[in-house]
Amino acid sequence: MKTRNAPPIHIGGYGNMFDDINDLYQQVILDHCRQPRNFHEMPQATCSAQGHNPLCGDQLKLFLSLDGDKIKDISFIGSGCCISKASASLLTEFAKGKTKADVEEMFGRVHDMVTTGNVQGDVGKLAVFAGVHKFPARVKCAILSWHAVMAALRGDAKPVTTESEQN
């Protein structure tokens, strides 16, 4: 199933072997787009950050509840394309219970993955975004929530934007 908002994800060079994987990845993205996890405001948040992708119109606000260095809870609100919403949803699932260092390390892996297609180490369900690098306009959609979570963890008050992203 394809939508206008979510480009198909292709892993080239392997013939039909990856057709089922592509379909699965697209289904995961569509599922998280249509029913995003942790999609609500969090009044008791200890930090938050806003993000905006002017190219696609994606806007979100992330909320984090920290217990020392650990992310006790995380949620988001906002609007955007399927890639952006699915990325924020999967980010919140990944980050719950993780340390700041865990999230910072995964940011590096996810950023590399969505910009180059290279998957380094275990990225779990986030692997669904490996094919995004083939659609440069969608890279910013996929990485927006990650820039926002990094800003929240740093305590940056200024909203983040994908305008500084090199893709």
C-alpha atoms as a PDB file:
ATOM      1  CA  MET A   1       0.000   0.000   0.000  1.00  0.00           C
ATOM      2  CA  LYS A   2       1.434   3.366  -0.987  1.00  0.00           C
ATOM      3  CA  THR A   3       0.368   6.879  -0.062  1.00  0.00           C
ATOM      4  CA  ARG A   4       1.353  10.255  -1.442  1.00  0.00           C
ATOM      5  CA  ASN A   5       2.952  11.202   1.883  1.00  0.00           C
ATOM      6  CA  ALA A   6       5.131   8.136   2.343  1.00  0.00           C
ATOM      7  CA  PRO A   7       7.550   7.347  -0.463  1.00  0.00           C
ATOM      8  CA  PRO A   8       8.138   3.676  -1.117  1.00  0.00           C
ATOM      9  CA  ILE A   9      11.243   2.338   0.537  1.00  0.00           C
ATOM     10  CA  HIS A  10      13.474   0.435  -1.848  1.00  0.00           C
ATOM     11  CA  ILE A  11      16.581  -1.548  -1.085  1.00  0.00           C
ATOM     12  CA  GLY A  12      18.095  -1.896  -4.523  1.00  0.00           C
ATOM     13  CA  GLY A  13      20.234  -4.573  -6.063  1.00  0.00           C
ATOM     14  CA  TYR A  14      18.688  -7.647  -4.447  1.00  0.00           C
ATOM     15  CA  GLY A  15      15.766  -8.394  -6.745  1.00  0.00           C
ATOM     16  CA  ASN A  16      12.560  -9.733  -5.239  1.00  0.00           C
ATOM     17  CA  MET A  17      14.240 -10.907  -2.034  1.00  0.00           C
ATOM     18  CA  PHE A  18      13.537  -7.557  -0.367  1.00  0.00           C
ATOM     19  CA  ASP A  19      10.025  -6.970  -1.719  1.00  0.00           C
ATOM     20  CA  ASP A  20       8.516  -8.477   1.431  1.00  0.00           C
ATOM     21  CA  ILE A  21      10.850  -6.402   3.628  1.00  0.00           C
ATOM     22  CA  ASN A  22       9.890  -3.230   1.742  1.00  0.00           C
ATOM     23  CA  ASP A  23       6.218  -4.053   2.216  1.00  0.00           C
ATOM     24  CA  LEU A  24       6.789  -4.726   5.911  1.00  0.00           C
ATOM     25  CA  TYR A  25       8.720  -1.462   6.351  1.00  0.00           C
ATOM     26  CA  GLN A  26       5.973   0.483   4.595  1.00  0.00           C
ATOM     27  CA  GLN A  27       3.345  -1.170   6.807  1.00  0.00           C
ATOM     28  CA  VAL A  28       5.281  -0.265   9.976  1.00  0.00           C
ATOM     29  CA  ILE A  29       5.580   3.355   8.835  1.00  0.00           C
ATOM     30  CA  LEU A  30       1.891   3.544   7.919  1.00  0.00           C
ATOM     31  CA  ASP A  31       0.885   1.942  11.228  1.00  0.00           C
ATOM     32  CA  HIS A  32       2.909   4.460  13.254  1.00  0.00           C
ATOM     33  CA  CYS A  33       1.602   7.290  11.079  1.00  0.00           C
ATOM     34  CA  ARG A  34      -2.045   6.362  11.478  1.00  0.00           C
ATOM     35  CA  GLN A  35      -1.772   5.338  15.141  1.00  0.00           C
ATOM     36  CA  PRO A  36       1.242   7.144  16.550  1.00  0.00           C
ATOM     37  CA  ARG A  37       2.426   5.858  19.902  1.00  0.00           C
ATOM     38  CA  ASN A  38       2.879   8.256  22.834  1.00  0.00           C
ATOM     39  CA  PHE A  39       0.954  10.962  20.959  1.00  0.00           C
ATOM     40  CA  HIS A  40      -0.194  13.300  23.730  1.00  0.00           C
ATOM     41  CA  GLU A  41       0.866  16.342  25.680  1.00  0.00           C
ATOM     42  CA  MET A  42       2.734  15.703  28.904  1.00  0.00           C
ATOM     43  CA  PRO A  43       1.989  18.392  31.516  1.00  0.00           C
ATOM     44  CA  GLN A  44       4.541  16.963  33.995  1.00  0.00           C
ATOM     45  CA  ALA A  45       7.420  17.045  31.477  1.00  0.00           C
ATOM     46  CA  THR A  46      10.791  18.081  32.850  1.00  0.00           C
ATOM     47  CA  CYS A  47      11.928  19.303  29.427  1.00  0.00           C
ATOM     48  CA  SER A  48      10.556  19.742  25.934  1.00  0.00           C
ATOM     49  CA  ALA A  49      11.542  20.962  22.486  1.00  0.00           C
ATOM     50  CA  GLN A  50       9.786  22.087  19.353  1.00  0.00           C
ATOM     51  CA  GLY A  51      10.765  21.148  15.823  1.00  0.00           C
ATOM     52  CA  HIS A  52       9.801  22.432  12.400  1.00  0.00           C
ATOM     53  CA  ASN A  53      10.539  21.215   8.889  1.00  0.00           C
ATOM     54  CA  PRO A  54       9.576  24.075   6.552  1.00  0.00           C
ATOM     55  CA  LEU A  55      10.161  21.961   3.443  1.00  0.00           C
ATOM     56  CA  CYS A  56       7.349  19.531   4.277  1.00  0.00           C
ATOM     57  CA  GLY A  57       5.431  21.513   6.904  1.00  0.00           C
ATOM     58  CA  ASP A  58       6.126  19.041   9.717  1.00  0.00           C
ATOM     59  CA  GLN A  59       5.716  20.525  13.202  1.00  0.00           C
ATOM     60  CA  LEU A  60       6.070  18.748  16.506  1.00  0.00           C
ATOM     61  CA  LYS A  61       6.683  19.235  20.173  1.00  0.00           C
ATOM     62  CA  LEU A  62       8.425  16.545  22.209  1.00  0.00           C
ATOM     63  CA  PHE A  63       7.938  16.153  25.958  1.00  0.00           C
ATOM     64  CA  LEU A  64      10.364  14.287  28.221  1.00  0.00           C
ATOM     65  CA  SER A  65      10.127  13.301  31.841  1.00  0.00           C
ATOM     66  CA  LEU A  66      13.639  12.691  33.130  1.00  0.00           C
ATOM     67  CA  ASP A  67      14.706  10.849  36.235  1.00  0.00           C
ATOM     68  CA  GLY A  68      18.326  11.866  36.542  1.00  0.00           C
ATOM     69  CA  ASP A  69      19.964  10.736  33.315  1.00  0.00           C
ATOM     70  CA  LYS A  70      17.142   8.358  32.382  1.00  0.00           C
ATOM     71  CA  ILE A  71      14.106   9.106  30.201  1.00  0.00           C
ATOM     72  CA  LYS A  72      11.217   7.985  32.356  1.00  0.00           C
ATOM     73  CA  ASP A  73       8.564   9.011  29.833  1.00  0.00           C
ATOM     74  CA  ILE A  74       8.403  10.693  26.421  1.00  0.00           C
ATOM     75  CA  SER A  75       5.574  11.861  24.190  1.00  0.00           C
ATOM     76  CA  PHE A  76       4.880  14.197  21.284  1.00  0.00           C
ATOM     77  CA  ILE A  77       2.193  16.239  19.609  1.00  0.00           C
ATOM     78  CA  GLY A  78       2.128  17.840  16.202  1.00  0.00           C
ATOM     79  CA  SER A  79       1.305  17.373  12.580  1.00  0.00           C
ATOM     80  CA  GLY A  80       3.222  16.306   9.545  1.00  0.00           C
ATOM     81  CA  CYS A  81       3.720  13.733   6.851  1.00  0.00           C
ATOM     82  CA  CYS A  82       3.704   9.987   7.504  1.00  0.00           C
ATOM     83  CA  ILE A  83       7.497   9.730   7.662  1.00  0.00           C
ATOM     84  CA  SER A  84       7.709  12.501  10.269  1.00  0.00           C
ATOM     85  CA  LYS A  85       4.925  11.135  12.476  1.00  0.00           C
ATOM     86  CA  ALA A  86       6.189   7.554  12.243  1.00  0.00           C
ATOM     87  CA  SER A  87       9.714   8.675  13.084  1.00  0.00           C
ATOM     88  CA  ALA A  88       8.536  10.553  16.184  1.00  0.00           C
ATOM     89  CA  SER A  89       6.383   7.600  17.234  1.00  0.00           C
ATOM     90  CA  LEU A  90       9.220   5.088  16.856  1.00  0.00           C
ATOM     91  CA  LEU A  91      11.621   7.481  18.591  1.00  0.00           C
ATOM     92  CA  THR A  92       9.350   7.651  21.641  1.00  0.00           C
ATOM     93  CA  GLU A  93       9.109   3.853  21.759  1.00  0.00           C
ATOM     94  CA  PHE A  94      12.884   3.560  21.572  1.00  0.00           C
ATOM     95  CA  ALA A  95      13.713   6.305  24.092  1.00  0.00           C
ATOM     96  CA  LYS A  96      11.492   5.237  27.008  1.00  0.00           C
ATOM     97  CA  GLY A  97      13.710   3.910  29.759  1.00  0.00           C
ATOM     98  CA  LYS A  98      16.921   4.812  27.948  1.00  0.00           C
ATOM     99  CA  THR A  99      19.675   7.124  29.197  1.00  0.00           C
ATOM    100  CA  LYS A 100      20.657  10.391  27.541  1.00  0.00           C
ATOM    101  CA  ALA A 101      23.824   8.664  26.304  1.00  0.00           C
ATOM    102  CA  ASP A 102      21.755   5.849  24.741  1.00  0.00           C
ATOM    103  CA  VAL A 103      19.628   8.383  22.839  1.00  0.00           C
ATOM    104  CA  GLU A 104      22.664  10.414  21.750  1.00  0.00           C
ATOM    105  CA  GLU A 105      24.331   7.265  20.411  1.00  0.00           C
ATOM    106  CA  MET A 106      21.178   6.201  18.550  1.00  0.00           C
ATOM    107  CA  PHE A 107      20.809   9.714  17.108  1.00  0.00           C
ATOM    108  CA  GLY A 108      24.188   9.225  15.424  1.00  0.00           C
ATOM    109  CA  ARG A 109      23.173   5.836  14.046  1.00  0.00           C
ATOM    110  CA  VAL A 110      19.778   7.046  12.821  1.00  0.00           C
ATOM    111  CA  HIS A 111      21.264  10.192  11.271  1.00  0.00           C
ATOM    112  CA  ASP A 112      23.838   8.122   9.391  1.00  0.00           C
ATOM    113  CA  MET A 113      21.202   5.596   8.355  1.00  0.00           C
ATOM    114  CA  VAL A 114      18.705   8.125   6.936  1.00  0.00           C
ATOM    115  CA  THR A 115      21.404  10.125   5.149  1.00  0.00           C
ATOM    116  CA  THR A 116      23.450   7.233   3.712  1.00  0.00           C
ATOM    117  CA  GLY A 117      21.381   4.063   4.014  1.00  0.00           C
ATOM    118  CA  ASN A 118      24.076   2.419   6.151  1.00  0.00           C
ATOM    119  CA  VAL A 119      22.715   0.571   9.158  1.00  0.00           C
ATOM    120  CA  GLN A 120      25.275   0.399  11.980  1.00  0.00           C
ATOM    121  CA  GLY A 121      24.548  -1.993  14.825  1.00  0.00           C
ATOM    122  CA  ASP A 122      21.139  -2.879  16.173  1.00  0.00           C
ATOM    123  CA  VAL A 123      18.655  -0.111  15.420  1.00  0.00           C
ATOM    124  CA  GLY A 124      15.598  -2.303  15.939  1.00  0.00           C
ATOM    125  CA  LYS A 125      12.395  -1.074  14.304  1.00  0.00           C
ATOM    126  CA  LEU A 126      14.128   2.160  13.327  1.00  0.00           C
ATOM    127  CA  ALA A 127      15.586   0.199  10.397  1.00  0.00           C
ATOM    128  CA  VAL A 128      12.358   0.996   8.544  1.00  0.00           C
ATOM    129  CA  PHE A 129      13.948   4.363   7.704  1.00  0.00           C
ATOM    130  CA  ALA A 130      17.051   2.908   5.997  1.00  0.00           C
ATOM    131  CA  GLY A 131      15.621   3.555   2.525  1.00  0.00           C
ATOM    132  CA  VAL A 132      14.768   7.198   3.201  1.00  0.00           C
ATOM    133  CA  HIS A 133      18.227   8.313   2.026  1.00  0.00           C
ATOM    134  CA  LYS A 134      17.057   7.707  -1.539  1.00  0.00           C
ATOM    135  CA  PHE A 135      14.473  10.467  -1.082  1.00  0.00           C
ATOM    136  CA  PRO A 136      16.486  13.525   0.047  1.00  0.00           C
ATOM    137  CA  ALA A 137      13.387  15.638   0.741  1.00  0.00           C
ATOM    138  CA  ARG A 138      12.186  12.964   3.195  1.00  0.00           C
ATOM    139  CA  VAL A 139      15.455  12.785   5.160  1.00  0.00           C
ATOM    140  CA  LYS A 140      14.456  15.978   6.972  1.00  0.00           C
ATOM    141  CA  CYS A 141      11.059  14.463   7.788  1.00  0.00           C
ATOM    142  CA  ALA A 142      12.660  11.368   9.296  1.00  0.00           C
ATOM    143  CA  ILE A 143      15.302  13.197  11.355  1.00  0.00           C
ATOM    144  CA  LEU A 144      13.218  16.118  12.714  1.00  0.00           C
ATOM    145  CA  SER A 145      12.067  14.387  15.907  1.00  0.00           C
ATOM    146  CA  TRP A 146      15.636  13.251  16.578  1.00  0.00           C
ATOM    147  CA  HIS A 147      16.928  16.813  16.407  1.00  0.00           C
ATOM    148  CA  ALA A 148      14.110  17.833  18.741  1.00  0.00           C
ATOM    149  CA  VAL A 149      14.918  15.150  21.322  1.00  0.00           C
ATOM    150  CA  MET A 150      18.578  16.179  21.270  1.00  0.00           C
ATOM    151  CA  ALA A 151      17.565  19.818  21.830  1.00  0.00           C
ATOM    152  CA  ALA A 152      15.295  18.793  24.728  1.00  0.00           C
ATOM    153  CA  LEU A 153      18.101  16.780  26.330  1.00  0.00           C
ATOM    154  CA  ARG A 154      20.457  19.777  25.999  1.00  0.00           C
ATOM    155  CA  GLY A 155      17.815  22.120  27.434  1.00  0.00           C
ATOM    156  CA  ASP A 156      17.719  24.290  24.295  1.00  0.00           C
ATOM    157  CA  ALA A 157      14.768  26.674  24.397  1.00  0.00           C
ATOM    158  CA  LYS A 158      14.995  27.669  20.728  1.00  0.00           C
ATOM    159  CA  PRO A 159      12.900  25.546  18.338  1.00  0.00           C
ATOM    160  CA  VAL A 160      14.934  23.289  16.051  1.00  0.00           C
ATOM    161  CA  THR A 161      14.562  23.359  12.321  1.00  0.00           C
ATOM    162  CA  THR A 162      15.718  21.070   9.545  1.00  0.00           C
ATOM    163  CA  GLU A 163      17.013  24.031   7.547  1.00  0.00           C
ATOM    164  CA  SER A 164      20.522  23.345   8.869  1.00  0.00           C
ATOM    165  CA  GLU A 165      20.309  19.659   7.841  1.00  0.00           C
ATOM    166  CA  GLN A 166      22.545  19.011   4.825  1.00  0.00           C
ATOM    167  CA  ASN A 167      20.074  16.906   2.804  1.00  0.00           C
END
